[in-house]
Amino acid sequence: MELKDILSRVDHTLLSQSATWAEIKAICEDGVKYGCASVCIPASYVKQAAEYVDGKIAVCTVIGFPNGYDTTAAKCFEAADAVKNGASEIDMVINIGWVKDGLYDQVLDEIKQVKAACNGKLLKIIIETCMLTDAEKIEMCRVVSESGADYIKTSTGFGGGGATREDVALFKAHVAPHVKIKAAGGIANLQDAEDFVNLGADRLGTSRIVKAVKAMEQK
């Protein structure tokens, strides 16, 4: 797989609590330079980043992040606010407690409401696979498939575990054909990235791939 094909699937990510504008700006510059799919950044920087990149790359942000237990109304406000500020992609964390309680209809309704609040922009649903059983993951594949969301995403990267090859393969086997897959968290190198793409991931949430490419350029 060509390097540019991998990079074109990368959501170049910086979501640390201490992220500064200088760091966000650098992420944006690298995302544009290396042809990434988007930059995934905190909501507070979306407006500034969207103005800075001026359409050269998609700006993605996260809502209900990283725990997912905000109210549906709060998530809808976050999504609408992010879109108003210039986000073209929204990654939302589900209410994991609802999944554990078997309240899949509530999870489905919440996703539908957030999708409406996105005003036509891409919506990716983070299900935090490290906290779910395989049966729960499969049920969430059904829910996301029915919800109108565009992607199912493995992880926040803050939950204690990231994407695994097994989870991406499970997603591929159980989501509807129109639902794309984003692997995030723990994608350490180019081999990981290629493996996830070959298993069916359309997007890769990581900061390490661009770093790896930059390191190769310096050799």
C-alpha atoms as a PDB file:
ATOM      1  CA  MET A   1       0.000   0.000   0.000  1.00  0.00           C
ATOM      2  CA  GLU A   2       1.386   3.383  -0.954  1.00  0.00           C
ATOM      3  CA  LEU A   3       2.202   5.806   1.823  1.00  0.00           C
ATOM      4  CA  LYS A   4      -0.039   8.521   0.382  1.00  0.00           C
ATOM      5  CA  ASP A   5      -2.989   6.110   0.481  1.00  0.00           C
ATOM      6  CA  ILE A   6      -2.457   5.506   4.187  1.00  0.00           C
ATOM      7  CA  LEU A   7      -1.996   9.219   4.913  1.00  0.00           C
ATOM      8  CA  SER A   8      -5.197  10.058   3.018  1.00  0.00           C
ATOM      9  CA  ARG A   9      -7.131   8.028   5.615  1.00  0.00           C
ATOM     10  CA  VAL A  10      -5.524   9.598   8.681  1.00  0.00           C
ATOM     11  CA  ASP A  11      -7.433  11.868  11.044  1.00  0.00           C
ATOM     12  CA  HIS A  12      -4.309  13.610  12.350  1.00  0.00           C
ATOM     13  CA  THR A  13      -5.169  13.877  16.029  1.00  0.00           C
ATOM     14  CA  LEU A  14      -4.299  15.998  19.038  1.00  0.00           C
ATOM     15  CA  LEU A  15      -6.772  15.779  21.921  1.00  0.00           C
ATOM     16  CA  SER A  16      -4.593  16.120  25.009  1.00  0.00           C
ATOM     17  CA  GLN A  17      -5.986  18.344  27.743  1.00  0.00           C
ATOM     18  CA  SER A  18      -2.902  20.579  27.640  1.00  0.00           C
ATOM     19  CA  ALA A  19      -2.911  21.165  23.863  1.00  0.00           C
ATOM     20  CA  THR A  20      -1.905  24.727  22.991  1.00  0.00           C
ATOM     21  CA  TRP A  21      -2.708  26.747  19.881  1.00  0.00           C
ATOM     22  CA  ALA A  22       0.904  26.425  18.748  1.00  0.00           C
ATOM     23  CA  GLU A  23       0.540  22.633  18.868  1.00  0.00           C
ATOM     24  CA  ILE A  24      -2.848  22.686  17.145  1.00  0.00           C
ATOM     25  CA  LYS A  25      -1.453  24.961  14.442  1.00  0.00           C
ATOM     26  CA  ALA A  26       1.423  22.519  13.866  1.00  0.00           C
ATOM     27  CA  ILE A  27      -1.050  19.616  13.591  1.00  0.00           C
ATOM     28  CA  CYS A  28      -3.000  21.590  10.988  1.00  0.00           C
ATOM     29  CA  GLU A  29       0.135  22.390   8.984  1.00  0.00           C
ATOM     30  CA  ASP A  30       1.289  18.779   9.018  1.00  0.00           C
ATOM     31  CA  GLY A  31      -2.187  17.516   8.132  1.00  0.00           C
ATOM     32  CA  VAL A  32      -2.266  19.739   5.063  1.00  0.00           C
ATOM     33  CA  LYS A  33       1.338  18.978   4.088  1.00  0.00           C
ATOM     34  CA  TYR A  34       0.931  15.207   4.261  1.00  0.00           C
ATOM     35  CA  GLY A  35      -2.525  14.994   2.694  1.00  0.00           C
ATOM     36  CA  CYS A  36      -4.415  13.704   5.723  1.00  0.00           C
ATOM     37  CA  ALA A  37      -8.184  13.275   5.707  1.00  0.00           C
ATOM     38  CA  SER A  38      -8.711  15.665   8.610  1.00  0.00           C
ATOM     39  CA  VAL A  39      -7.290  17.150  11.766  1.00  0.00           C
ATOM     40  CA  CYS A  40      -9.081  15.974  14.907  1.00  0.00           C
ATOM     41  CA  ILE A  41      -8.808  18.600  17.632  1.00  0.00           C
ATOM     42  CA  PRO A  42     -10.580  19.919  20.753  1.00  0.00           C
ATOM     43  CA  ALA A  43     -13.794  21.843  20.144  1.00  0.00           C
ATOM     44  CA  SER A  44     -12.389  25.041  21.657  1.00  0.00           C
ATOM     45  CA  TYR A  45      -9.920  25.303  18.768  1.00  0.00           C
ATOM     46  CA  VAL A  46     -12.286  24.493  15.909  1.00  0.00           C
ATOM     47  CA  LYS A  47     -13.138  28.046  14.858  1.00  0.00           C
ATOM     48  CA  GLN A  48      -9.507  29.194  14.949  1.00  0.00           C
ATOM     49  CA  ALA A  49      -8.292  26.084  13.144  1.00  0.00           C
ATOM     50  CA  ALA A  50     -11.013  26.220  10.481  1.00  0.00           C
ATOM     51  CA  GLU A  51     -10.071  29.817   9.712  1.00  0.00           C
ATOM     52  CA  TYR A  52      -6.379  28.905   9.689  1.00  0.00           C
ATOM     53  CA  VAL A  53      -6.631  25.954   7.267  1.00  0.00           C
ATOM     54  CA  ASP A  54      -9.136  27.831   5.086  1.00  0.00           C
ATOM     55  CA  GLY A  55     -10.625  24.704   3.512  1.00  0.00           C
ATOM     56  CA  LYS A  56      -7.305  22.963   2.816  1.00  0.00           C
ATOM     57  CA  ILE A  57      -8.225  20.104   5.162  1.00  0.00           C
ATOM     58  CA  ALA A  58     -11.332  18.974   7.019  1.00  0.00           C
ATOM     59  CA  VAL A  59     -11.600  19.957  10.678  1.00  0.00           C
ATOM     60  CA  CYS A  60     -12.922  17.231  12.987  1.00  0.00           C
ATOM     61  CA  THR A  61     -13.757  17.510  16.674  1.00  0.00           C
ATOM     62  CA  VAL A  62     -15.074  15.323  19.484  1.00  0.00           C
ATOM     63  CA  ILE A  63     -18.227  15.666  21.576  1.00  0.00           C
ATOM     64  CA  GLY A  64     -19.357  13.919  24.724  1.00  0.00           C
ATOM     65  CA  PHE A  65     -15.664  13.212  25.024  1.00  0.00           C
ATOM     66  CA  PRO A  66     -14.161  11.099  26.440  1.00  0.00           C
ATOM     67  CA  ASN A  67     -16.750   9.602  28.820  1.00  0.00           C
ATOM     68  CA  GLY A  68     -19.960   9.763  26.770  1.00  0.00           C
ATOM     69  CA  TYR A  69     -22.326  10.312  29.685  1.00  0.00           C
ATOM     70  CA  ASP A  70     -23.338  13.897  28.899  1.00  0.00           C
ATOM     71  CA  THR A  71     -27.036  14.418  28.310  1.00  0.00           C
ATOM     72  CA  THR A  72     -28.350  14.091  24.778  1.00  0.00           C
ATOM     73  CA  ALA A  73     -29.251  17.794  24.785  1.00  0.00           C
ATOM     74  CA  ALA A  74     -25.681  18.696  25.728  1.00  0.00           C
ATOM     75  CA  LYS A  75     -24.259  16.512  22.965  1.00  0.00           C
ATOM     76  CA  CYS A  76     -26.621  18.058  20.423  1.00  0.00           C
ATOM     77  CA  PHE A  77     -25.571  21.549  21.504  1.00  0.00           C
ATOM     78  CA  GLU A  78     -21.886  20.591  21.269  1.00  0.00           C
ATOM     79  CA  ALA A  79     -22.385  19.175  17.783  1.00  0.00           C
ATOM     80  CA  ALA A  80     -24.349  22.173  16.506  1.00  0.00           C
ATOM     81  CA  ASP A  81     -21.852  24.590  18.035  1.00  0.00           C
ATOM     82  CA  ALA A  82     -18.897  22.762  16.483  1.00  0.00           C
ATOM     83  CA  VAL A  83     -20.514  22.781  13.052  1.00  0.00           C
ATOM     84  CA  LYS A  84     -21.315  26.483  13.388  1.00  0.00           C
ATOM     85  CA  ASN A  85     -17.662  27.095  14.224  1.00  0.00           C
ATOM     86  CA  GLY A  86     -16.467  25.291  11.107  1.00  0.00           C
ATOM     87  CA  ALA A  87     -16.210  21.582  11.941  1.00  0.00           C
ATOM     88  CA  SER A  88     -17.043  19.325   9.031  1.00  0.00           C
ATOM     89  CA  GLU A  89     -16.735  16.079  11.004  1.00  0.00           C
ATOM     90  CA  ILE A  90     -17.993  15.164  14.483  1.00  0.00           C
ATOM     91  CA  ASP A  91     -16.839  12.180  16.560  1.00  0.00           C
ATOM     92  CA  MET A  92     -19.323  11.427  19.373  1.00  0.00           C
ATOM     93  CA  VAL A  93     -18.929   9.061  22.328  1.00  0.00           C
ATOM     94  CA  ILE A  94     -21.956   6.894  23.094  1.00  0.00           C
ATOM     95  CA  ASN A  95     -23.444   6.525  26.570  1.00  0.00           C
ATOM     96  CA  ILE A  96     -21.645   3.324  27.554  1.00  0.00           C
ATOM     97  CA  GLY A  97     -23.776   2.876  30.676  1.00  0.00           C
ATOM     98  CA  TRP A  98     -26.881   2.719  28.498  1.00  0.00           C
ATOM     99  CA  VAL A  99     -25.280  -0.059  26.480  1.00  0.00           C
ATOM    100  CA  LYS A 100     -24.467  -1.948  29.681  1.00  0.00           C
ATOM    101  CA  ASP A 101     -28.119  -1.544  30.725  1.00  0.00           C
ATOM    102  CA  GLY A 102     -29.306  -2.823  27.338  1.00  0.00           C
ATOM    103  CA  LEU A 103     -30.948   0.505  26.488  1.00  0.00           C
ATOM    104  CA  TYR A 104     -30.117   0.293  22.801  1.00  0.00           C
ATOM    105  CA  ASP A 105     -33.229   2.207  21.735  1.00  0.00           C
ATOM    106  CA  GLN A 106     -32.054   5.177  23.818  1.00  0.00           C
ATOM    107  CA  VAL A 107     -28.580   4.964  22.299  1.00  0.00           C
ATOM    108  CA  LEU A 108     -30.142   4.867  18.828  1.00  0.00           C
ATOM    109  CA  ASP A 109     -32.385   7.840  19.552  1.00  0.00           C
ATOM    110  CA  GLU A 110     -29.454   9.867  20.881  1.00  0.00           C
ATOM    111  CA  ILE A 111     -27.354   9.181  17.789  1.00  0.00           C
ATOM    112  CA  LYS A 112     -30.255  10.198  15.547  1.00  0.00           C
ATOM    113  CA  GLN A 113     -30.663  13.476  17.449  1.00  0.00           C
ATOM    114  CA  VAL A 114     -26.949  14.257  17.273  1.00  0.00           C
ATOM    115  CA  LYS A 115     -26.913  13.410  13.569  1.00  0.00           C
ATOM    116  CA  ALA A 116     -29.697  15.934  13.019  1.00  0.00           C
ATOM    117  CA  ALA A 117     -27.711  18.521  14.995  1.00  0.00           C
ATOM    118  CA  CYS A 118     -24.724  17.949  12.698  1.00  0.00           C
ATOM    119  CA  ASN A 119     -26.636  19.609   9.866  1.00  0.00           C
ATOM    120  CA  GLY A 120     -25.390  17.252   7.172  1.00  0.00           C
ATOM    121  CA  LYS A 121     -21.799  16.986   8.390  1.00  0.00           C
ATOM    122  CA  LEU A 122     -20.082  13.637   8.930  1.00  0.00           C
ATOM    123  CA  LEU A 123     -20.839  11.874  12.217  1.00  0.00           C
ATOM    124  CA  LYS A 124     -18.613   9.148  13.644  1.00  0.00           C
ATOM    125  CA  ILE A 125     -19.802   7.121  16.635  1.00  0.00           C
ATOM    126  CA  ILE A 126     -17.195   6.102  19.211  1.00  0.00           C
ATOM    127  CA  ILE A 127     -18.300   2.945  21.021  1.00  0.00           C
ATOM    128  CA  GLU A 128     -15.164   2.447  23.218  1.00  0.00           C
ATOM    129  CA  THR A 129     -14.599  -1.211  22.346  1.00  0.00           C
ATOM    130  CA  CYS A 130     -12.281  -1.894  25.302  1.00  0.00           C
ATOM    131  CA  MET A 131     -15.265  -1.479  27.635  1.00  0.00           C
ATOM    132  CA  LEU A 132     -17.719  -3.676  25.701  1.00  0.00           C
ATOM    133  CA  THR A 133     -18.275  -7.390  25.219  1.00  0.00           C
ATOM    134  CA  ASP A 134     -18.305  -8.810  21.703  1.00  0.00           C
ATOM    135  CA  ALA A 135     -22.085  -9.173  21.942  1.00  0.00           C
ATOM    136  CA  GLU A 136     -22.393  -5.491  22.877  1.00  0.00           C
ATOM    137  CA  LYS A 137     -20.082  -4.486  20.011  1.00  0.00           C
ATOM    138  CA  ILE A 138     -22.199  -6.463  17.549  1.00  0.00           C
ATOM    139  CA  GLU A 139     -25.381  -4.853  18.854  1.00  0.00           C
ATOM    140  CA  MET A 140     -23.760  -1.428  18.485  1.00  0.00           C
ATOM    141  CA  CYS A 141     -22.912  -2.275  14.873  1.00  0.00           C
ATOM    142  CA  ARG A 142     -26.658  -2.727  14.354  1.00  0.00           C
ATOM    143  CA  VAL A 143     -27.534   0.486  16.184  1.00  0.00           C
ATOM    144  CA  VAL A 144     -25.023   2.589  14.264  1.00  0.00           C
ATOM    145  CA  SER A 145     -26.163   1.011  10.994  1.00  0.00           C
ATOM    146  CA  GLU A 146     -29.758   2.065  11.728  1.00  0.00           C
ATOM    147  CA  SER A 147     -28.902   5.506  13.075  1.00  0.00           C
ATOM    148  CA  GLY A 148     -27.922   7.466   9.988  1.00  0.00           C
ATOM    149  CA  ALA A 149     -24.384   7.993  11.310  1.00  0.00           C
ATOM    150  CA  ASP A 150     -21.563   7.745   8.799  1.00  0.00           C
ATOM    151  CA  TYR A 151     -18.899   5.859  10.776  1.00  0.00           C
ATOM    152  CA  ILE A 152     -18.446   3.514  13.685  1.00  0.00           C
ATOM    153  CA  LYS A 153     -15.221   4.220  15.598  1.00  0.00           C
ATOM    154  CA  THR A 154     -13.375   1.952  17.991  1.00  0.00           C
ATOM    155  CA  SER A 155     -11.997   4.152  20.733  1.00  0.00           C
ATOM    156  CA  THR A 156     -11.384   7.518  22.338  1.00  0.00           C
ATOM    157  CA  GLY A 157      -7.782   6.663  23.186  1.00  0.00           C
ATOM    158  CA  PHE A 158      -8.605   7.710  26.758  1.00  0.00           C
ATOM    159  CA  GLY A 159     -10.467   4.571  27.863  1.00  0.00           C
ATOM    160  CA  GLY A 160      -7.568   2.275  28.660  1.00  0.00           C
ATOM    161  CA  GLY A 161      -7.468   0.488  25.309  1.00  0.00           C
ATOM    162  CA  GLY A 162      -7.382   1.344  21.617  1.00  0.00           C
ATOM    163  CA  ALA A 163      -8.202  -0.241  18.301  1.00  0.00           C
ATOM    164  CA  THR A 164      -7.503  -3.935  17.807  1.00  0.00           C
ATOM    165  CA  ARG A 165      -7.402  -5.913  14.598  1.00  0.00           C
ATOM    166  CA  GLU A 166     -10.097  -8.206  15.996  1.00  0.00           C
ATOM    167  CA  ASP A 167     -12.491  -5.322  16.630  1.00  0.00           C
ATOM    168  CA  VAL A 168     -12.057  -3.840  13.163  1.00  0.00           C
ATOM    169  CA  ALA A 169     -12.695  -7.270  11.619  1.00  0.00           C
ATOM    170  CA  LEU A 170     -15.775  -7.659  13.828  1.00  0.00           C
ATOM    171  CA  PHE A 171     -17.066  -4.248  12.715  1.00  0.00           C
ATOM    172  CA  LYS A 172     -16.530  -5.152   9.070  1.00  0.00           C
ATOM    173  CA  ALA A 173     -18.513  -8.350   9.506  1.00  0.00           C
ATOM    174  CA  HIS A 174     -21.475  -6.710  11.251  1.00  0.00           C
ATOM    175  CA  VAL A 175     -22.036  -3.125  10.093  1.00  0.00           C
ATOM    176  CA  ALA A 176     -24.233  -2.291   7.129  1.00  0.00           C
ATOM    177  CA  PRO A 177     -22.385  -1.613   3.855  1.00  0.00           C
ATOM    178  CA  HIS A 178     -23.017   2.147   4.072  1.00  0.00           C
ATOM    179  CA  VAL A 179     -21.288   2.466   7.475  1.00  0.00           C
ATOM    180  CA  LYS A 180     -17.573   3.161   7.363  1.00  0.00           C
ATOM    181  CA  ILE A 181     -15.065   2.199  10.037  1.00  0.00           C
ATOM    182  CA  LYS A 182     -12.582   4.334  11.965  1.00  0.00           C
ATOM    183  CA  ALA A 183      -9.830   2.678  13.986  1.00  0.00           C
ATOM    184  CA  ALA A 184      -8.374   4.913  16.695  1.00  0.00           C
ATOM    185  CA  GLY A 185      -6.045   4.549  19.620  1.00  0.00           C
ATOM    186  CA  GLY A 186      -2.887   2.480  19.656  1.00  0.00           C
ATOM    187  CA  ILE A 187      -2.016   2.759  15.961  1.00  0.00           C
ATOM    188  CA  ALA A 188       1.709   2.886  16.543  1.00  0.00           C
ATOM    189  CA  ASN A 189       3.327   2.543  13.133  1.00  0.00           C
ATOM    190  CA  LEU A 190       2.827   2.185   9.398  1.00  0.00           C
ATOM    191  CA  GLN A 191       2.408  -1.590   9.618  1.00  0.00           C
ATOM    192  CA  ASP A 192      -0.437  -1.156  12.106  1.00  0.00           C
ATOM    193  CA  ALA A 193      -2.031   1.400   9.797  1.00  0.00           C
ATOM    194  CA  GLU A 194      -1.803  -0.858   6.754  1.00  0.00           C
ATOM    195  CA  ASP A 195      -3.184  -3.817   8.700  1.00  0.00           C
ATOM    196  CA  PHE A 196      -6.207  -1.820   9.868  1.00  0.00           C
ATOM    197  CA  VAL A 197      -6.916  -0.554   6.354  1.00  0.00           C
ATOM    198  CA  ASN A 198      -6.674  -4.072   4.949  1.00  0.00           C
ATOM    199  CA  LEU A 199      -9.150  -5.257   7.579  1.00  0.00           C
ATOM    200  CA  GLY A 200     -11.663  -2.622   6.493  1.00  0.00           C
ATOM    201  CA  ALA A 201     -10.861   0.655   8.266  1.00  0.00           C
ATOM    202  CA  ASP A 202     -11.598   3.725   6.145  1.00  0.00           C
ATOM    203  CA  ARG A 203     -10.137   6.171   8.685  1.00  0.00           C
ATOM    204  CA  LEU A 204      -7.280   6.006  11.181  1.00  0.00           C
ATOM    205  CA  GLY A 205      -7.311   8.242  14.236  1.00  0.00           C
ATOM    206  CA  THR A 206      -3.684   8.742  15.202  1.00  0.00           C
ATOM    207  CA  SER A 207      -0.875  11.227  15.659  1.00  0.00           C
ATOM    208  CA  ARG A 208       1.855   8.671  15.133  1.00  0.00           C
ATOM    209  CA  ILE A 209       1.639   8.056  11.393  1.00  0.00           C
ATOM    210  CA  VAL A 210       2.636  11.598  10.418  1.00  0.00           C
ATOM    211  CA  LYS A 211       5.355  11.460  13.078  1.00  0.00           C
ATOM    212  CA  ALA A 212       6.633   8.201  11.564  1.00  0.00           C
ATOM    213  CA  VAL A 213       6.717   9.718   8.084  1.00  0.00           C
ATOM    214  CA  LYS A 214       8.577  12.777   9.349  1.00  0.00           C
ATOM    215  CA  ALA A 215      11.110  10.513  11.063  1.00  0.00           C
ATOM    216  CA  MET A 216      11.628   8.601   7.804  1.00  0.00           C
ATOM    217  CA  GLU A 217      12.250  11.866   5.980  1.00  0.00           C
ATOM    218  CA  GLN A 218      14.988  12.792   8.448  1.00  0.00           C
ATOM    219  CA  LYS A 219      16.974   9.590   7.882  1.00  0.00           C
END
